[in-house]
Amino acid sequence: MTVGRPSLILAALAADAAPGFTFRSYRRVETNPDIDQLQLWDQEGASYQLLIPATPAGESEVAIELQALKIIEPHQEVLGLDTPRLIGQSMDSDGTKALLLSLLGGETTDLAKYAPGLFSKSIGEVLARIHNLSPEIIRDAGLLEYDAAGILRNKVAEIDSIAQTGRVPAALLSRWEAATEDIGLFRFHPTVIHGNVSQDTVMVSAQKVNGLSGWSSLKVGDPAEDLRWLTGGALRTTLEDTILNYRAARESADENISQRAQLYS
């Protein structure tokens, strides 16, 4: 598998994936070493993204992204947001599959500028709707599923690995270890989660969340994972309002979800 394909080759793959489309410009995107990416614009100004694996890990990620989009597409109306749309597929000379996806409208999020209001209400409700989806859609597709005990084991292993680096202050390490020893903290029902909620995947229009991309981490897991970005970067009042709106839309949320999100952030 070729690593670092030339942009001209990527543009040709995009053209092959979308017969009849005319792309007026493109630029290379280098945010993931496992995937060669190209952003393209058509004559109307609509934007698209070509993804093609550059490593075996990228091959798995692209395959799951495609599978996840197919799983989520029938639920877009329930979720109340846009997701990327598959425009077409093509293959390079090595037989590696490339995906051409539509890019979502709106702007990326800067958590520091959002006070309680439309943003906190919409992000809280969107995450609640995702977590309210039936886990069966993940099981039927054969995607990853973790139970609470497995998630706790993974976190303990992660903390042990970090501790071995010697780069974490002892006081912080002690707080992490104490949290993982609190069995009650990890008493929750796993849900469908996006798994990659971040500045790069949440799109906003007029301070309201209108789209979510980056679905390659879709799985059944800890819903607190989807709150960690907000917990680590949002204004305190905005985070509190997000959690209030989230709980209003998902009454079954466990009482310790905010504490775990803090642990993960």
Protein backbone atom coordinates (compact mmCIF):
# COMPACT_ATOMS: atom_id res chain seq x y z
CA MET A 1 0.00 0.00 0.00
CA THR A 2 1.42 3.37 -1.02
CA VAL A 3 1.95 5.96 1.70
CA GLY A 4 1.54 9.65 0.93
CA ARG A 5 -0.10 9.51 -2.50
CA PRO A 6 0.34 12.70 -4.57
CA SER A 7 -2.56 15.15 -4.42
CA LEU A 8 -3.04 14.82 -8.18
CA ILE A 9 -3.62 11.07 -7.78
CA LEU A 10 -6.13 11.73 -5.00
CA ALA A 11 -7.96 14.24 -7.19
CA ALA A 12 -8.13 11.66 -9.99
CA LEU A 13 -9.58 9.11 -7.57
CA ALA A 14 -12.22 11.65 -6.54
CA ALA A 15 -13.15 12.23 -10.19
CA ASP A 16 -13.44 8.48 -10.74
CA ALA A 17 -15.70 8.19 -7.69
CA ALA A 18 -18.07 10.90 -8.92
CA PRO A 19 -18.68 10.73 -12.69
CA GLY A 20 -20.34 13.91 -13.90
CA PHE A 21 -18.95 16.04 -11.06
CA THR A 22 -16.59 18.88 -11.88
CA PHE A 23 -14.20 19.85 -9.08
CA ARG A 24 -12.78 23.35 -9.45
CA SER A 25 -10.19 23.15 -6.65
CA TYR A 26 -8.78 20.92 -3.97
CA ARG A 27 -6.35 20.91 -1.07
CA ARG A 28 -4.59 18.18 0.83
CA VAL A 29 -5.59 17.59 4.48
CA GLU A 30 -2.97 16.07 6.77
CA THR A 31 -4.67 15.41 10.09
CA ASN A 32 -4.42 11.61 10.13
CA PRO A 33 -1.21 9.76 9.17
CA ASP A 34 -3.20 6.58 8.56
CA ILE A 35 -5.43 8.10 5.85
CA ASP A 36 -4.64 10.17 2.75
CA GLN A 37 -7.25 12.95 2.60
CA LEU A 38 -8.20 15.53 0.03
CA GLN A 39 -10.84 18.24 0.34
CA LEU A 40 -12.48 19.27 -2.93
CA TRP A 41 -14.93 21.96 -4.08
CA ASP A 42 -17.32 21.74 -7.00
CA GLN A 43 -18.46 24.58 -9.24
CA GLU A 44 -21.34 25.47 -6.89
CA GLY A 45 -18.99 25.72 -3.92
CA ALA A 46 -20.11 22.50 -2.23
CA SER A 47 -17.26 20.66 -0.54
CA TYR A 48 -16.29 17.00 -0.45
CA GLN A 49 -13.70 14.78 1.20
CA LEU A 50 -11.77 11.90 -0.33
CA LEU A 51 -10.49 9.26 2.09
CA ILE A 52 -8.12 6.44 1.16
CA PRO A 53 -6.12 4.32 3.62
CA ALA A 54 -2.37 4.87 3.90
CA THR A 55 -1.77 2.11 6.48
CA PRO A 56 -3.52 -1.08 7.62
CA ALA A 57 -4.96 0.88 10.57
CA GLY A 58 -6.34 3.43 8.13
CA GLU A 59 -7.90 0.67 6.07
CA SER A 60 -9.87 -0.48 9.10
CA GLU A 61 -10.84 3.09 10.00
CA VAL A 62 -12.15 3.88 6.51
CA ALA A 63 -14.10 0.61 6.36
CA ILE A 64 -15.76 1.31 9.73
CA GLU A 65 -16.52 4.91 8.71
CA LEU A 66 -18.41 3.65 5.68
CA GLN A 67 -20.23 1.00 7.71
CA ALA A 68 -21.11 3.49 10.44
CA LEU A 69 -22.55 6.02 7.99
CA LYS A 70 -24.78 3.33 6.53
CA ILE A 71 -25.95 2.41 10.05
CA ILE A 72 -26.69 6.01 11.06
CA GLU A 73 -28.27 7.23 7.83
CA PRO A 74 -31.76 5.78 8.52
CA HIS A 75 -31.75 7.54 11.92
CA GLN A 76 -30.83 11.04 10.76
CA GLU A 77 -34.35 12.38 11.21
CA VAL A 78 -34.54 11.01 14.76
CA LEU A 79 -31.11 12.43 15.58
CA GLY A 80 -32.01 15.81 14.10
CA LEU A 81 -28.65 16.44 12.41
CA ASP A 82 -26.78 15.93 9.17
CA THR A 83 -24.09 13.30 8.64
CA PRO A 84 -21.67 12.92 5.73
CA ARG A 85 -23.16 11.30 2.61
CA LEU A 86 -21.35 8.76 0.47
CA ILE A 87 -20.98 10.23 -3.03
CA GLY A 88 -19.06 7.36 -4.57
CA GLN A 89 -16.12 4.97 -4.38
CA SER A 90 -13.07 4.24 -6.52
CA MET A 91 -9.85 2.19 -6.32
CA ASP A 92 -6.21 3.01 -6.82
CA SER A 93 -3.79 0.89 -8.85
CA ASP A 94 -3.15 -1.34 -5.82
CA GLY A 95 -6.85 -2.08 -5.41
CA THR A 96 -7.21 0.07 -2.27
CA LYS A 97 -10.70 1.52 -1.94
CA ALA A 98 -11.24 5.30 -1.73
CA LEU A 99 -14.40 6.96 -0.42
CA LEU A 100 -15.75 10.32 -1.56
CA LEU A 101 -18.00 11.90 1.09
CA SER A 102 -19.95 15.12 1.23
CA LEU A 103 -18.64 17.60 3.79
CA LEU A 104 -21.11 19.10 6.23
CA GLY A 105 -22.12 22.74 6.16
CA GLY A 106 -21.63 25.07 9.09
CA GLU A 107 -18.52 25.91 11.05
CA THR A 108 -16.31 24.01 13.45
CA THR A 109 -16.78 24.68 17.13
CA ASP A 110 -14.79 26.91 19.48
CA LEU A 111 -16.05 25.85 22.90
CA ALA A 112 -14.63 28.89 24.63
CA LYS A 113 -17.07 31.24 22.87
CA TYR A 114 -20.31 29.43 23.72
CA ALA A 115 -22.33 30.60 26.72
CA PRO A 116 -25.38 28.61 27.89
CA GLY A 117 -28.04 28.72 25.19
CA LEU A 118 -28.64 27.25 21.74
CA PHE A 119 -25.32 25.41 21.58
CA SER A 120 -25.54 23.72 24.97
CA LYS A 121 -29.17 22.79 24.39
CA SER A 122 -28.56 21.34 20.93
CA ILE A 123 -25.37 19.41 21.76
CA GLY A 124 -26.96 17.96 24.89
CA GLU A 125 -30.04 16.83 22.97
CA VAL A 126 -28.05 15.44 20.02
CA LEU A 127 -25.84 13.33 22.27
CA ALA A 128 -28.88 12.10 24.20
CA ARG A 129 -30.57 11.01 20.96
CA ILE A 130 -27.46 9.08 19.90
CA HIS A 131 -27.29 7.38 23.28
CA ASN A 132 -31.00 6.55 23.09
CA LEU A 133 -30.53 4.54 19.88
CA SER A 134 -30.94 0.80 20.24
CA PRO A 135 -27.63 -1.05 20.76
CA GLU A 136 -29.00 -3.67 18.39
CA ILE A 137 -28.00 -1.53 15.40
CA ILE A 138 -24.37 -1.91 16.52
CA ARG A 139 -24.63 -5.60 17.38
CA ASP A 140 -26.30 -6.44 14.08
CA ALA A 141 -23.44 -4.74 12.23
CA GLY A 142 -20.76 -6.51 14.25
CA LEU A 143 -19.15 -3.31 15.52
CA LEU A 144 -17.40 -3.08 18.87
CA GLU A 145 -19.35 -3.42 22.11
CA TYR A 146 -17.95 -2.92 25.61
CA ASP A 147 -19.67 -3.60 28.92
CA ALA A 148 -19.04 -1.53 32.06
CA ALA A 149 -16.60 -4.06 33.51
CA GLY A 150 -14.58 -4.15 30.30
CA ILE A 151 -14.47 -0.36 30.14
CA LEU A 152 -13.19 -0.20 33.72
CA ARG A 153 -10.47 -2.76 32.95
CA ASN A 154 -9.40 -0.74 29.92
CA LYS A 155 -9.19 2.45 31.98
CA VAL A 156 -7.11 0.75 34.68
CA ALA A 157 -4.73 -0.58 32.02
CA GLU A 158 -4.54 2.87 30.43
CA ILE A 159 -3.69 4.52 33.75
CA ASP A 160 -1.05 1.85 34.48
CA SER A 161 0.53 2.53 31.10
CA ILE A 162 0.56 6.29 31.70
CA ALA A 163 2.02 5.79 35.17
CA GLN A 164 4.95 3.86 33.73
CA THR A 165 6.02 6.90 31.73
CA GLY A 166 6.75 8.79 34.95
CA ARG A 167 5.43 11.98 33.39
CA VAL A 168 2.22 12.33 35.40
CA PRO A 169 2.22 14.18 38.74
CA ALA A 170 1.77 11.77 41.64
CA ALA A 171 -1.25 13.66 43.01
CA LEU A 172 -3.08 13.45 39.68
CA LEU A 173 -2.20 9.78 39.28
CA SER A 174 -3.57 9.10 42.78
CA ARG A 175 -6.88 10.78 41.89
CA TRP A 176 -7.19 8.69 38.74
CA GLU A 177 -6.44 5.48 40.63
CA ALA A 178 -8.93 6.36 43.36
CA ALA A 179 -11.61 6.99 40.74
CA THR A 180 -11.10 3.60 39.11
CA GLU A 181 -11.31 1.92 42.52
CA ASP A 182 -14.78 3.42 43.03
CA ILE A 183 -16.90 0.61 41.62
CA GLY A 184 -20.06 2.71 41.92
CA LEU A 185 -18.61 5.24 39.49
CA PHE A 186 -18.66 2.58 36.78
CA ARG A 187 -22.17 1.32 37.43
CA PHE A 188 -23.94 2.28 34.20
CA HIS A 189 -25.65 0.82 31.15
CA PRO A 190 -23.51 1.04 27.98
CA THR A 191 -25.15 2.82 25.04
CA VAL A 192 -24.55 3.57 21.40
CA ILE A 193 -21.84 6.27 21.34
CA HIS A 194 -20.26 8.36 18.60
CA GLY A 195 -16.84 7.94 20.21
CA ASN A 196 -15.12 10.88 18.55
CA VAL A 197 -17.02 14.04 19.53
CA SER A 198 -14.57 16.91 19.09
CA GLN A 199 -13.94 20.31 17.57
CA ASP A 200 -13.23 18.60 14.24
CA THR A 201 -16.43 16.55 14.09
CA VAL A 202 -19.14 18.84 15.52
CA MET A 203 -20.52 21.38 13.03
CA VAL A 204 -22.50 24.42 14.15
CA SER A 205 -24.74 26.91 12.38
CA ALA A 206 -26.09 29.96 14.24
CA GLN A 207 -24.80 28.43 17.51
CA LYS A 208 -26.85 25.28 16.97
CA VAL A 209 -25.34 21.86 16.25
CA ASN A 210 -26.40 20.90 12.74
CA GLY A 211 -24.00 18.09 11.80
CA LEU A 212 -21.67 15.43 13.11
CA SER A 213 -18.91 13.69 11.17
CA GLY A 214 -16.08 11.26 12.01
CA TRP A 215 -18.18 8.17 12.77
CA SER A 216 -15.36 5.59 12.61
CA SER A 217 -15.45 5.11 16.41
CA LEU A 218 -19.19 4.26 16.51
CA LYS A 219 -19.75 1.48 19.05
CA VAL A 220 -21.54 0.47 22.23
CA GLY A 221 -19.63 1.94 25.16
CA ASP A 222 -19.66 4.47 27.97
CA PRO A 223 -21.87 7.49 27.12
CA ALA A 224 -19.52 9.62 29.25
CA GLU A 225 -16.94 9.26 26.47
CA ASP A 226 -19.06 11.56 24.28
CA LEU A 227 -19.07 14.23 27.00
CA ARG A 228 -15.34 14.36 27.68
CA TRP A 229 -14.55 16.99 25.02
CA LEU A 230 -17.15 19.34 26.48
CA THR A 231 -16.01 18.57 30.02
CA GLY A 232 -12.43 19.43 29.16
CA GLY A 233 -13.05 22.60 27.17
CA ALA A 234 -16.46 24.21 27.65
CA LEU A 235 -17.21 27.05 30.04
CA ARG A 236 -18.42 25.66 33.37
CA THR A 237 -21.89 27.19 32.98
CA THR A 238 -22.14 25.90 29.40
CA LEU A 239 -21.19 22.39 30.49
CA GLU A 240 -23.74 22.47 33.30
CA ASP A 241 -26.46 23.58 30.88
CA THR A 242 -25.43 20.87 28.41
CA ILE A 243 -25.77 18.21 31.11
CA LEU A 244 -29.17 19.57 32.16
CA ASN A 245 -30.44 19.38 28.57
CA TYR A 246 -28.86 15.98 28.11
CA ARG A 247 -30.58 14.58 31.20
CA ALA A 248 -33.91 16.09 30.17
CA ALA A 249 -33.66 14.25 26.84
CA ARG A 250 -32.31 11.04 28.38
CA GLU A 251 -33.86 10.38 31.76
CA SER A 252 -32.10 7.02 32.10
CA ALA A 253 -28.65 8.65 32.26
CA ASP A 254 -26.72 7.40 35.30
CA GLU A 255 -25.92 9.76 38.14
CA ASN A 256 -22.13 9.48 37.71
CA ILE A 257 -21.84 10.25 34.01
CA SER A 258 -20.38 13.72 34.63
CA GLN A 259 -17.72 12.36 36.99
CA ARG A 260 -16.58 9.77 34.45
CA ALA A 261 -16.49 12.39 31.71
CA GLN A 262 -14.21 14.42 33.98
CA LEU A 263 -11.99 11.38 34.47
CA TYR A 264 -11.74 10.84 30.70
CA SER A 265 -11.13 14.50 29.79
